[in-house]
Amino acid sequence: MMNTTPYSGSLTAEQFLFYEIRIASKLYLQGISVDDAAAKIREDNLFQYPTERQISRMARACYRRLDALNNQKLIKEISSAPTEIAKQINLYAIMRYNRLVWDFMIQVIGEKFRTQDYSFERKDLNTFFSRLQAQNDSIAGWSDNTINKIKSVLVRCLVETEYLDHLKSTTLNPVFLCEELEQGICENDDTEVLPAFNCFR
């Protein structure tokens, strides 16, 4: 599946949301609607946010990612698999939901794994965004502030999934694709994303 959704800057607010998607996936699997899920999360303080302001938005973001996964087995894994596996699946869910993350993971990270170039520097992000801005009018209109925020979220996603050891790392770790996710990717006919998980079949 080629991700052809419009580019979105929503990542600036939504971020990785691992803790939240774990909770939301359990409600999702029970067939609870997004509105009822948001109400329950607010009522029981499940996200443990200091204020209620962001709860509905983040619950909706989690549900959209789970919808984008389009794979019941992977949603079950997000809800109950060991953290390392569930985080990898969450990254894939973000990729399917957010075209910018999809492109970044395939064009930058997948390409680095393919060529066995494990360096990762600020210029890699800058080059990626310069290319996108040249190709896409809506991204060309984004402020420097928005782009810098998205860059920092992308790096944080790489740290969360152990591609990078920490935010200042300049070396990619050779990650291992978990079996559950590989199977889900193949079921979704998304084999083009395998290089982003350092998988070449």
N, C-alpha and C. Protein backbone atom coordinates (compact mmCIF):
# COMPACT_ATOMS: atom_id res chain seq x y z
N MET A 1 0.84 -1.20 0.00
CA MET A 1 0.00 0.00 0.00
C MET A 1 0.87 1.24 0.00
N MET A 2 0.72 2.05 -1.00
CA MET A 2 1.41 3.34 -1.03
C MET A 2 0.59 4.30 -0.18
N ASN A 3 1.23 4.98 0.77
CA ASN A 3 0.47 5.93 1.59
C ASN A 3 0.27 7.22 0.79
N THR A 4 -0.97 7.46 0.38
CA THR A 4 -1.25 8.63 -0.47
C THR A 4 -2.14 9.64 0.25
N THR A 5 -2.29 9.51 1.57
CA THR A 5 -3.06 10.50 2.32
C THR A 5 -2.35 11.85 2.24
N PRO A 6 -3.06 12.96 2.42
CA PRO A 6 -2.38 14.27 2.39
C PRO A 6 -1.37 14.37 3.53
N TYR A 7 -0.33 15.12 3.32
CA TYR A 7 0.66 15.35 4.38
C TYR A 7 0.00 16.15 5.51
N SER A 8 0.32 15.77 6.74
CA SER A 8 -0.28 16.44 7.90
C SER A 8 0.79 16.78 8.92
N GLY A 9 0.63 17.94 9.56
CA GLY A 9 1.56 18.34 10.61
C GLY A 9 1.08 17.94 11.99
N SER A 10 0.08 17.04 12.06
CA SER A 10 -0.53 16.67 13.35
C SER A 10 0.47 16.06 14.33
N LEU A 11 1.57 15.57 13.80
CA LEU A 11 2.58 14.93 14.65
C LEU A 11 3.12 15.88 15.72
N THR A 12 3.05 17.18 15.47
CA THR A 12 3.58 18.15 16.44
C THR A 12 2.87 18.00 17.78
N ALA A 13 1.57 17.68 17.75
CA ALA A 13 0.82 17.52 19.00
C ALA A 13 0.70 16.06 19.41
N GLU A 14 0.60 15.16 18.44
CA GLU A 14 0.23 13.78 18.78
C GLU A 14 1.40 12.92 19.25
N GLN A 15 2.57 13.11 18.69
CA GLN A 15 3.76 12.40 19.14
C GLN A 15 3.62 10.87 19.10
N PHE A 16 4.40 10.16 19.95
CA PHE A 16 4.45 8.69 19.84
C PHE A 16 3.24 8.02 20.52
N LEU A 17 2.80 8.57 21.64
CA LEU A 17 1.56 8.13 22.33
C LEU A 17 1.52 6.63 22.63
N PHE A 18 2.63 6.05 23.05
CA PHE A 18 2.62 4.61 23.28
C PHE A 18 1.73 4.21 24.46
N TYR A 19 1.90 4.89 25.57
CA TYR A 19 1.11 4.58 26.76
C TYR A 19 -0.39 4.73 26.45
N GLU A 20 -0.72 5.79 25.71
CA GLU A 20 -2.11 6.06 25.38
C GLU A 20 -2.70 5.02 24.43
N ILE A 21 -1.92 4.61 23.42
CA ILE A 21 -2.48 3.66 22.44
C ILE A 21 -2.65 2.27 23.06
N ARG A 22 -1.83 1.94 24.04
CA ARG A 22 -2.01 0.67 24.78
C ARG A 22 -3.39 0.64 25.43
N ILE A 23 -3.74 1.75 26.07
CA ILE A 23 -5.03 1.86 26.76
C ILE A 23 -6.16 1.90 25.74
N ALA A 24 -6.02 2.75 24.73
CA ALA A 24 -7.08 2.91 23.73
C ALA A 24 -7.35 1.61 22.97
N SER A 25 -6.29 0.84 22.71
CA SER A 25 -6.48 -0.40 21.93
C SER A 25 -7.36 -1.41 22.67
N LYS A 26 -7.26 -1.42 23.99
CA LYS A 26 -8.11 -2.35 24.78
C LYS A 26 -9.59 -1.96 24.63
N LEU A 27 -9.86 -0.66 24.65
CA LEU A 27 -11.24 -0.19 24.48
C LEU A 27 -11.72 -0.42 23.04
N TYR A 28 -10.81 -0.18 22.09
CA TYR A 28 -11.10 -0.38 20.67
C TYR A 28 -11.51 -1.84 20.40
N LEU A 29 -10.76 -2.75 21.00
CA LEU A 29 -11.03 -4.18 20.79
C LEU A 29 -12.36 -4.62 21.40
N GLN A 30 -12.84 -3.84 22.38
CA GLN A 30 -14.15 -4.15 22.98
C GLN A 30 -15.30 -3.55 22.16
N GLY A 31 -14.94 -2.86 21.07
CA GLY A 31 -15.96 -2.27 20.21
C GLY A 31 -16.53 -0.97 20.75
N ILE A 32 -15.81 -0.35 21.69
CA ILE A 32 -16.27 0.91 22.28
C ILE A 32 -15.98 2.06 21.30
N SER A 33 -16.97 2.91 21.07
CA SER A 33 -16.80 4.02 20.11
C SER A 33 -15.76 5.00 20.64
N VAL A 34 -15.24 5.81 19.74
CA VAL A 34 -14.20 6.76 20.14
C VAL A 34 -14.73 7.77 21.15
N ASP A 35 -15.98 8.20 20.99
CA ASP A 35 -16.55 9.17 21.95
C ASP A 35 -16.69 8.55 23.33
N ASP A 36 -17.19 7.30 23.37
CA ASP A 36 -17.33 6.62 24.66
C ASP A 36 -15.98 6.32 25.28
N ALA A 37 -15.00 5.98 24.41
CA ALA A 37 -13.64 5.71 24.91
C ALA A 37 -13.05 6.97 25.53
N ALA A 38 -13.21 8.11 24.84
CA ALA A 38 -12.68 9.37 25.37
C ALA A 38 -13.34 9.71 26.70
N ALA A 39 -14.66 9.46 26.80
CA ALA A 39 -15.38 9.74 28.05
C ALA A 39 -14.87 8.85 29.18
N LYS A 40 -14.65 7.58 28.87
CA LYS A 40 -14.17 6.64 29.90
C LYS A 40 -12.75 7.00 30.34
N ILE A 41 -11.91 7.35 29.36
CA ILE A 41 -10.52 7.73 29.67
C ILE A 41 -10.51 8.97 30.57
N ARG A 42 -11.41 9.90 30.26
CA ARG A 42 -11.48 11.13 31.07
C ARG A 42 -12.00 10.82 32.47
N GLU A 43 -13.06 10.05 32.52
CA GLU A 43 -13.73 9.72 33.80
C GLU A 43 -12.80 8.97 34.75
N ASP A 44 -12.07 7.99 34.21
CA ASP A 44 -11.20 7.15 35.07
C ASP A 44 -9.76 7.66 35.10
N ASN A 45 -9.52 8.81 34.44
CA ASN A 45 -8.17 9.40 34.39
C ASN A 45 -7.13 8.38 33.89
N LEU A 46 -7.50 7.62 32.86
CA LEU A 46 -6.64 6.52 32.39
C LEU A 46 -5.33 7.01 31.78
N PHE A 47 -5.37 8.17 31.12
CA PHE A 47 -4.13 8.69 30.52
C PHE A 47 -3.24 9.39 31.56
N GLN A 48 -3.84 9.68 32.71
CA GLN A 48 -3.12 10.37 33.80
C GLN A 48 -2.52 11.71 33.35
N TYR A 49 -3.30 12.43 32.55
CA TYR A 49 -2.88 13.78 32.16
C TYR A 49 -3.21 14.75 33.28
N PRO A 50 -2.43 15.81 33.45
CA PRO A 50 -2.73 16.77 34.52
C PRO A 50 -4.04 17.54 34.29
N THR A 51 -4.44 17.73 33.02
CA THR A 51 -5.73 18.37 32.74
C THR A 51 -6.45 17.52 31.70
N GLU A 52 -7.74 17.80 31.54
CA GLU A 52 -8.55 16.99 30.61
C GLU A 52 -8.51 17.52 29.18
N ARG A 53 -7.88 18.67 29.00
CA ARG A 53 -7.94 19.39 27.72
C ARG A 53 -7.56 18.54 26.51
N GLN A 54 -6.49 17.73 26.65
CA GLN A 54 -5.95 16.98 25.50
C GLN A 54 -6.55 15.58 25.34
N ILE A 55 -7.33 15.13 26.32
CA ILE A 55 -7.73 13.71 26.34
C ILE A 55 -8.50 13.30 25.09
N SER A 56 -9.54 14.06 24.71
CA SER A 56 -10.34 13.67 23.54
C SER A 56 -9.50 13.63 22.28
N ARG A 57 -8.66 14.64 22.11
CA ARG A 57 -7.83 14.71 20.90
C ARG A 57 -6.90 13.50 20.82
N MET A 58 -6.26 13.16 21.93
CA MET A 58 -5.30 12.04 21.90
C MET A 58 -6.02 10.69 21.76
N ALA A 59 -7.19 10.57 22.37
CA ALA A 59 -7.97 9.33 22.21
C ALA A 59 -8.34 9.15 20.74
N ARG A 60 -8.76 10.25 20.11
CA ARG A 60 -9.11 10.19 18.67
C ARG A 60 -7.89 9.85 17.82
N ALA A 61 -6.75 10.44 18.15
CA ALA A 61 -5.52 10.14 17.41
C ALA A 61 -5.18 8.65 17.51
N CYS A 62 -5.32 8.09 18.71
CA CYS A 62 -5.04 6.66 18.91
C CYS A 62 -6.00 5.81 18.08
N TYR A 63 -7.28 6.16 18.10
CA TYR A 63 -8.28 5.40 17.33
C TYR A 63 -8.00 5.50 15.82
N ARG A 64 -7.57 6.68 15.37
CA ARG A 64 -7.26 6.81 13.93
C ARG A 64 -6.07 5.93 13.55
N ARG A 65 -5.09 5.84 14.43
CA ARG A 65 -3.94 4.97 14.16
C ARG A 65 -4.36 3.51 14.15
N LEU A 66 -5.23 3.14 15.07
CA LEU A 66 -5.70 1.75 15.13
C LEU A 66 -6.53 1.43 13.88
N ASP A 67 -7.36 2.39 13.45
CA ASP A 67 -8.11 2.21 12.18
C ASP A 67 -7.14 2.01 11.02
N ALA A 68 -6.08 2.84 11.01
CA ALA A 68 -5.11 2.79 9.91
C ALA A 68 -4.38 1.44 9.87
N LEU A 69 -4.18 0.83 11.03
CA LEU A 69 -3.51 -0.49 11.06
C LEU A 69 -4.31 -1.51 10.25
N ASN A 70 -5.66 -1.43 10.39
CA ASN A 70 -6.53 -2.30 9.60
C ASN A 70 -6.17 -3.78 9.76
N ASN A 71 -5.82 -4.17 10.99
CA ASN A 71 -5.37 -5.55 11.21
C ASN A 71 -5.63 -5.91 12.68
N GLN A 72 -6.65 -6.73 12.91
CA GLN A 72 -7.06 -7.06 14.29
C GLN A 72 -5.93 -7.70 15.10
N LYS A 73 -5.15 -8.55 14.44
CA LYS A 73 -4.06 -9.22 15.17
C LYS A 73 -3.04 -8.21 15.69
N LEU A 74 -2.71 -7.23 14.83
CA LEU A 74 -1.73 -6.21 15.25
C LEU A 74 -2.30 -5.33 16.35
N ILE A 75 -3.60 -5.04 16.28
CA ILE A 75 -4.22 -4.22 17.34
C ILE A 75 -4.16 -4.98 18.67
N LYS A 76 -4.42 -6.29 18.62
CA LYS A 76 -4.31 -7.12 19.84
C LYS A 76 -2.88 -7.09 20.38
N GLU A 77 -1.91 -7.16 19.47
CA GLU A 77 -0.51 -7.13 19.90
C GLU A 77 -0.16 -5.80 20.57
N ILE A 78 -0.67 -4.70 20.01
CA ILE A 78 -0.41 -3.39 20.64
C ILE A 78 -0.94 -3.39 22.07
N SER A 79 -2.09 -4.03 22.27
CA SER A 79 -2.72 -3.96 23.59
C SER A 79 -2.02 -4.84 24.62
N SER A 80 -1.36 -5.93 24.17
CA SER A 80 -0.88 -6.88 25.18
C SER A 80 0.53 -7.45 24.96
N ALA A 81 1.14 -7.20 23.82
CA ALA A 81 2.48 -7.78 23.56
C ALA A 81 3.53 -7.10 24.45
N PRO A 82 4.71 -7.72 24.62
CA PRO A 82 5.79 -7.04 25.34
C PRO A 82 6.07 -5.67 24.72
N THR A 83 6.52 -4.76 25.56
CA THR A 83 6.70 -3.35 25.16
C THR A 83 7.45 -3.18 23.85
N GLU A 84 8.56 -3.87 23.70
CA GLU A 84 9.41 -3.71 22.50
C GLU A 84 8.63 -4.03 21.22
N ILE A 85 7.84 -5.11 21.26
CA ILE A 85 7.05 -5.50 20.09
C ILE A 85 5.92 -4.49 19.85
N ALA A 86 5.21 -4.13 20.91
CA ALA A 86 4.08 -3.21 20.78
C ALA A 86 4.54 -1.83 20.29
N LYS A 87 5.72 -1.39 20.72
CA LYS A 87 6.23 -0.10 20.27
C LYS A 87 6.54 -0.13 18.77
N GLN A 88 7.08 -1.24 18.31
CA GLN A 88 7.39 -1.37 16.88
C GLN A 88 6.09 -1.33 16.05
N ILE A 89 5.07 -1.99 16.57
CA ILE A 89 3.77 -1.99 15.87
C ILE A 89 3.15 -0.59 15.90
N ASN A 90 3.32 0.11 17.02
CA ASN A 90 2.82 1.48 17.10
C ASN A 90 3.50 2.37 16.05
N LEU A 91 4.80 2.18 15.85
CA LEU A 91 5.50 2.96 14.83
C LEU A 91 4.90 2.68 13.45
N TYR A 92 4.62 1.43 13.17
CA TYR A 92 4.00 1.06 11.89
C TYR A 92 2.61 1.68 11.77
N ALA A 93 1.86 1.71 12.87
CA ALA A 93 0.52 2.34 12.87
C ALA A 93 0.65 3.83 12.55
N ILE A 94 1.65 4.49 13.14
CA ILE A 94 1.87 5.92 12.86
C ILE A 94 2.22 6.10 11.38
N MET A 95 3.04 5.19 10.85
CA MET A 95 3.42 5.27 9.43
C MET A 95 2.19 5.17 8.53
N ARG A 96 1.31 4.22 8.84
CA ARG A 96 0.11 4.04 7.99
C ARG A 96 -0.85 5.22 8.12
N TYR A 97 -0.84 5.85 9.28
CA TYR A 97 -1.75 6.97 9.52
C TYR A 97 -1.17 8.29 9.01
N ASN A 98 0.15 8.43 9.08
CA ASN A 98 0.77 9.72 8.76
C ASN A 98 1.77 9.54 7.61
N ARG A 99 1.42 10.10 6.47
CA ARG A 99 2.24 9.91 5.25
C ARG A 99 3.67 10.42 5.44
N LEU A 100 3.83 11.49 6.21
CA LEU A 100 5.16 12.06 6.40
C LEU A 100 6.08 11.05 7.11
N VAL A 101 5.52 10.36 8.11
CA VAL A 101 6.32 9.35 8.84
C VAL A 101 6.60 8.16 7.92
N TRP A 102 5.60 7.78 7.13
CA TRP A 102 5.75 6.70 6.14
C TRP A 102 6.95 7.00 5.22
N ASP A 103 6.93 8.22 4.64
CA ASP A 103 8.00 8.59 3.70
C ASP A 103 9.36 8.66 4.39
N PHE A 104 9.38 9.25 5.58
CA PHE A 104 10.64 9.39 6.31
C PHE A 104 11.24 8.01 6.62
N MET A 105 10.42 7.11 7.11
CA MET A 105 10.93 5.79 7.51
C MET A 105 11.42 4.99 6.29
N ILE A 106 10.75 5.12 5.16
CA ILE A 106 11.16 4.37 3.97
C ILE A 106 12.33 5.05 3.27
N GLN A 107 12.19 6.37 3.03
CA GLN A 107 13.19 7.08 2.21
C GLN A 107 14.49 7.37 2.95
N VAL A 108 14.40 7.61 4.25
CA VAL A 108 15.62 7.93 5.00
C VAL A 108 16.13 6.71 5.76
N ILE A 109 15.32 6.16 6.65
CA ILE A 109 15.79 5.05 7.51
C ILE A 109 15.96 3.77 6.69
N GLY A 110 14.95 3.43 5.89
CA GLY A 110 15.04 2.21 5.08
C GLY A 110 16.22 2.25 4.12
N GLU A 111 16.46 3.42 3.55
CA GLU A 111 17.57 3.58 2.61
C GLU A 111 18.92 3.43 3.32
N LYS A 112 19.00 3.94 4.55
CA LYS A 112 20.24 3.80 5.32
C LYS A 112 20.51 2.32 5.64
N PHE A 113 19.48 1.61 6.03
CA PHE A 113 19.67 0.18 6.29
C PHE A 113 20.05 -0.57 5.00
N ARG A 114 19.41 -0.17 3.90
CA ARG A 114 19.69 -0.86 2.62
C ARG A 114 21.15 -0.69 2.22
N THR A 115 21.68 0.52 2.45
CA THR A 115 23.07 0.79 2.04
C THR A 115 24.06 0.56 3.19
N GLN A 116 23.53 0.09 4.33
CA GLN A 116 24.35 -0.17 5.53
C GLN A 116 25.14 1.08 5.96
N ASP A 117 24.46 2.21 5.83
CA ASP A 117 25.02 3.48 6.31
C ASP A 117 24.31 3.80 7.63
N TYR A 118 24.95 3.52 8.76
CA TYR A 118 24.28 3.65 10.05
C TYR A 118 24.43 5.03 10.68
N SER A 119 24.98 5.97 9.93
CA SER A 119 25.09 7.33 10.48
C SER A 119 23.72 7.99 10.44
N PHE A 120 23.43 8.81 11.42
CA PHE A 120 22.17 9.56 11.42
C PHE A 120 22.45 10.94 11.98
N GLU A 121 22.33 11.94 11.12
CA GLU A 121 22.68 13.30 11.54
C GLU A 121 21.55 14.27 11.21
N ARG A 122 21.66 15.45 11.76
CA ARG A 122 20.67 16.50 11.52
C ARG A 122 20.49 16.76 10.03
N LYS A 123 21.57 16.63 9.28
CA LYS A 123 21.48 16.92 7.84
C LYS A 123 20.57 15.92 7.12
N ASP A 124 20.44 14.70 7.66
CA ASP A 124 19.53 13.73 7.05
C ASP A 124 18.09 14.22 7.14
N LEU A 125 17.73 14.77 8.29
CA LEU A 125 16.39 15.34 8.47
C LEU A 125 16.21 16.57 7.59
N ASN A 126 17.23 17.42 7.57
CA ASN A 126 17.14 18.66 6.78
C ASN A 126 16.95 18.37 5.29
N THR A 127 17.72 17.39 4.79
CA THR A 127 17.63 17.02 3.37
C THR A 127 16.25 16.47 3.05
N PHE A 128 15.74 15.63 3.94
CA PHE A 128 14.40 15.03 3.74
C PHE A 128 13.34 16.13 3.65
N PHE A 129 13.38 17.08 4.58
CA PHE A 129 12.37 18.14 4.59
C PHE A 129 12.54 19.10 3.42
N SER A 130 13.78 19.39 3.04
CA SER A 130 14.01 20.27 1.87
C SER A 130 13.40 19.64 0.62
N ARG A 131 13.59 18.33 0.49
CA ARG A 131 13.05 17.62 -0.67
C ARG A 131 11.51 17.68 -0.66
N LEU A 132 10.92 17.42 0.52
CA LEU A 132 9.45 17.46 0.62
C LEU A 132 8.91 18.85 0.32
N GLN A 133 9.59 19.88 0.83
CA GLN A 133 9.13 21.26 0.60
C GLN A 133 9.18 21.62 -0.88
N ALA A 134 10.19 21.09 -1.57
CA ALA A 134 10.31 21.36 -3.01
C ALA A 134 9.21 20.65 -3.80
N GLN A 135 8.74 19.51 -3.27
CA GLN A 135 7.76 18.69 -4.01
C GLN A 135 6.32 19.00 -3.64
N ASN A 136 6.10 19.57 -2.46
CA ASN A 136 4.74 19.67 -1.95
C ASN A 136 4.43 21.09 -1.45
N ASP A 137 3.41 21.70 -2.04
CA ASP A 137 3.08 23.09 -1.71
C ASP A 137 2.64 23.27 -0.26
N SER A 138 1.86 22.29 0.27
CA SER A 138 1.38 22.48 1.64
C SER A 138 2.54 22.44 2.64
N ILE A 139 3.50 21.55 2.41
CA ILE A 139 4.66 21.49 3.32
C ILE A 139 5.54 22.73 3.12
N ALA A 140 5.61 23.22 1.91
CA ALA A 140 6.38 24.44 1.64
C ALA A 140 5.85 25.61 2.47
N GLY A 141 4.55 25.56 2.82
CA GLY A 141 3.94 26.63 3.59
C GLY A 141 4.07 26.48 5.10
N TRP A 142 4.61 25.34 5.57
CA TRP A 142 4.75 25.15 7.01
C TRP A 142 5.83 26.06 7.58
N SER A 143 5.62 26.52 8.81
CA SER A 143 6.61 27.39 9.45
C SER A 143 7.83 26.58 9.88
N ASP A 144 8.95 27.26 10.07
CA ASP A 144 10.18 26.61 10.57
C ASP A 144 9.89 25.95 11.92
N ASN A 145 9.07 26.61 12.72
CA ASN A 145 8.74 26.09 14.04
C ASN A 145 8.04 24.73 13.94
N THR A 146 7.06 24.63 13.03
CA THR A 146 6.33 23.36 12.81
C THR A 146 7.30 22.28 12.35
N ILE A 147 8.14 22.60 11.38
CA ILE A 147 9.08 21.61 10.85
C ILE A 147 10.07 21.16 11.92
N ASN A 148 10.56 22.09 12.72
CA ASN A 148 11.50 21.72 13.80
C ASN A 148 10.84 20.82 14.83
N LYS A 149 9.56 21.11 15.13
CA LYS A 149 8.83 20.25 16.09
C LYS A 149 8.67 18.84 15.52
N ILE A 150 8.31 18.76 14.24
CA ILE A 150 8.13 17.44 13.61
C ILE A 150 9.46 16.68 13.59
N LYS A 151 10.54 17.36 13.29
CA LYS A 151 11.86 16.72 13.31
C LYS A 151 12.14 16.12 14.69
N SER A 152 11.83 16.89 15.74
CA SER A 152 12.14 16.38 17.08
C SER A 152 11.23 15.20 17.44
N VAL A 153 9.97 15.20 16.94
CA VAL A 153 9.08 14.05 17.20
C VAL A 153 9.60 12.81 16.45
N LEU A 154 10.05 12.99 15.22
CA LEU A 154 10.60 11.86 14.45
C LEU A 154 11.78 11.24 15.19
N VAL A 155 12.66 12.08 15.70
CA VAL A 155 13.83 11.57 16.44
C VAL A 155 13.36 10.84 17.70
N ARG A 156 12.36 11.40 18.38
CA ARG A 156 11.84 10.77 19.59
C ARG A 156 11.24 9.39 19.27
N CYS A 157 10.54 9.29 18.13
CA CYS A 157 9.98 8.00 17.70
C CYS A 157 11.10 6.98 17.50
N LEU A 158 12.23 7.43 16.94
CA LEU A 158 13.37 6.52 16.72
C LEU A 158 13.99 6.09 18.05
N VAL A 159 13.98 6.98 19.03
CA VAL A 159 14.51 6.61 20.35
C VAL A 159 13.56 5.62 21.03
N GLU A 160 12.25 5.90 20.95
CA GLU A 160 11.25 5.02 21.58
C GLU A 160 11.34 3.59 21.05
N THR A 161 11.67 3.45 19.77
CA THR A 161 11.70 2.12 19.14
C THR A 161 13.13 1.57 19.02
N GLU A 162 14.06 2.23 19.71
CA GLU A 162 15.46 1.76 19.84
C GLU A 162 16.26 1.77 18.54
N TYR A 163 15.82 2.58 17.58
CA TYR A 163 16.66 2.83 16.41
C TYR A 163 17.85 3.69 16.84
N LEU A 164 17.59 4.57 17.81
CA LEU A 164 18.64 5.43 18.37
C LEU A 164 18.69 5.20 19.88
N ASP A 165 19.88 5.29 20.45
CA ASP A 165 20.02 5.09 21.90
C ASP A 165 19.49 6.27 22.70
N HIS A 166 19.65 7.47 22.16
CA HIS A 166 19.15 8.67 22.84
C HIS A 166 18.99 9.80 21.81
N LEU A 167 18.44 10.92 22.25
CA LEU A 167 18.09 12.01 21.33
C LEU A 167 19.27 12.58 20.57
N LYS A 168 20.46 12.48 21.15
CA LYS A 168 21.65 13.07 20.51
C LYS A 168 22.46 12.02 19.73
N SER A 169 21.96 10.79 19.66
CA SER A 169 22.71 9.73 18.95
C SER A 169 22.92 10.08 17.49
N THR A 170 24.08 9.68 16.97
CA THR A 170 24.36 9.89 15.55
C THR A 170 24.58 8.55 14.83
N THR A 171 24.21 7.46 15.51
CA THR A 171 24.37 6.13 14.92
C THR A 171 23.08 5.35 15.06
N LEU A 172 22.59 4.82 13.95
CA LEU A 172 21.39 3.97 13.97
C LEU A 172 21.74 2.58 14.46
N ASN A 173 20.89 2.02 15.29
CA ASN A 173 21.05 0.62 15.70
C ASN A 173 20.41 -0.28 14.63
N PRO A 174 21.02 -1.42 14.34
CA PRO A 174 20.41 -2.35 13.37
C PRO A 174 19.23 -3.09 14.02
N VAL A 175 18.04 -2.51 13.95
CA VAL A 175 16.88 -3.09 14.63
C VAL A 175 16.49 -4.43 14.02
N PHE A 176 15.74 -5.20 14.81
CA PHE A 176 15.23 -6.49 14.33
C PHE A 176 13.71 -6.42 14.29
N LEU A 177 13.15 -6.73 13.14
CA LEU A 177 11.70 -6.70 12.97
C LEU A 177 11.07 -7.88 13.69
N CYS A 178 10.11 -7.61 14.57
CA CYS A 178 9.47 -8.71 15.29
C CYS A 178 8.58 -9.50 14.33
N GLU A 179 8.49 -10.78 14.61
CA GLU A 179 7.77 -11.71 13.72
C GLU A 179 6.30 -11.31 13.54
N GLU A 180 5.67 -10.87 14.65
CA GLU A 180 4.26 -10.50 14.60
C GLU A 180 4.02 -9.35 13.63
N LEU A 181 4.92 -8.36 13.68
CA LEU A 181 4.75 -7.20 12.80
C LEU A 181 5.06 -7.57 11.35
N GLU A 182 6.08 -8.37 11.14
CA GLU A 182 6.42 -8.78 9.77
C GLU A 182 5.22 -9.46 9.11
N GLN A 183 4.59 -10.33 9.88
CA GLN A 183 3.41 -11.05 9.37
C GLN A 183 2.29 -10.07 9.04
N GLY A 184 2.06 -9.10 9.94
CA GLY A 184 1.01 -8.10 9.72
C GLY A 184 1.29 -7.23 8.50
N ILE A 185 2.55 -6.85 8.34
CA ILE A 185 2.95 -6.03 7.18
C ILE A 185 2.67 -6.79 5.88
N CYS A 186 3.01 -8.07 5.87
CA CYS A 186 2.77 -8.89 4.66
C CYS A 186 1.27 -9.06 4.42
N GLU A 187 0.49 -9.26 5.50
CA GLU A 187 -0.97 -9.39 5.36
C GLU A 187 -1.57 -8.10 4.79
N ASN A 188 -1.00 -6.97 5.17
CA ASN A 188 -1.50 -5.67 4.68
C ASN A 188 -0.93 -5.31 3.31
N ASP A 189 -0.11 -6.20 2.76
CA ASP A 189 0.50 -5.96 1.44
C ASP A 189 1.35 -4.68 1.45
N ASP A 190 2.08 -4.50 2.54
CA ASP A 190 2.93 -3.31 2.72
C ASP A 190 4.42 -3.65 2.69
N THR A 191 4.80 -4.63 1.90
CA THR A 191 6.19 -5.10 1.95
C THR A 191 7.21 -4.00 1.63
N GLU A 192 6.75 -2.92 0.97
CA GLU A 192 7.70 -1.84 0.68
C GLU A 192 8.23 -1.18 1.95
N VAL A 193 7.55 -1.36 3.10
CA VAL A 193 8.02 -0.74 4.34
C VAL A 193 9.06 -1.60 5.07
N LEU A 194 9.24 -2.84 4.64
CA LEU A 194 10.15 -3.75 5.37
C LEU A 194 11.57 -3.17 5.55
N PRO A 195 12.15 -2.50 4.53
CA PRO A 195 13.49 -1.92 4.75
C PRO A 195 13.56 -0.93 5.92
N ALA A 196 12.42 -0.25 6.20
CA ALA A 196 12.39 0.70 7.32
C ALA A 196 12.58 -0.01 8.66
N PHE A 197 12.35 -1.31 8.65
CA PHE A 197 12.55 -2.13 9.86
C PHE A 197 13.78 -3.04 9.70
N ASN A 198 14.68 -2.63 8.80
CA ASN A 198 15.91 -3.37 8.56
C ASN A 198 15.64 -4.82 8.15
N CYS A 199 14.61 -5.00 7.32
CA CYS A 199 14.23 -6.35 6.89
C CYS A 199 14.27 -6.40 5.37
N PHE A 200 15.06 -7.32 4.85
CA PHE A 200 15.21 -7.46 3.39
C PHE A 200 14.96 -8.91 3.03
N ARG A 201 13.85 -9.16 2.35
CA ARG A 201 13.48 -10.54 2.01
C ARG A 201 13.51 -10.70 0.50
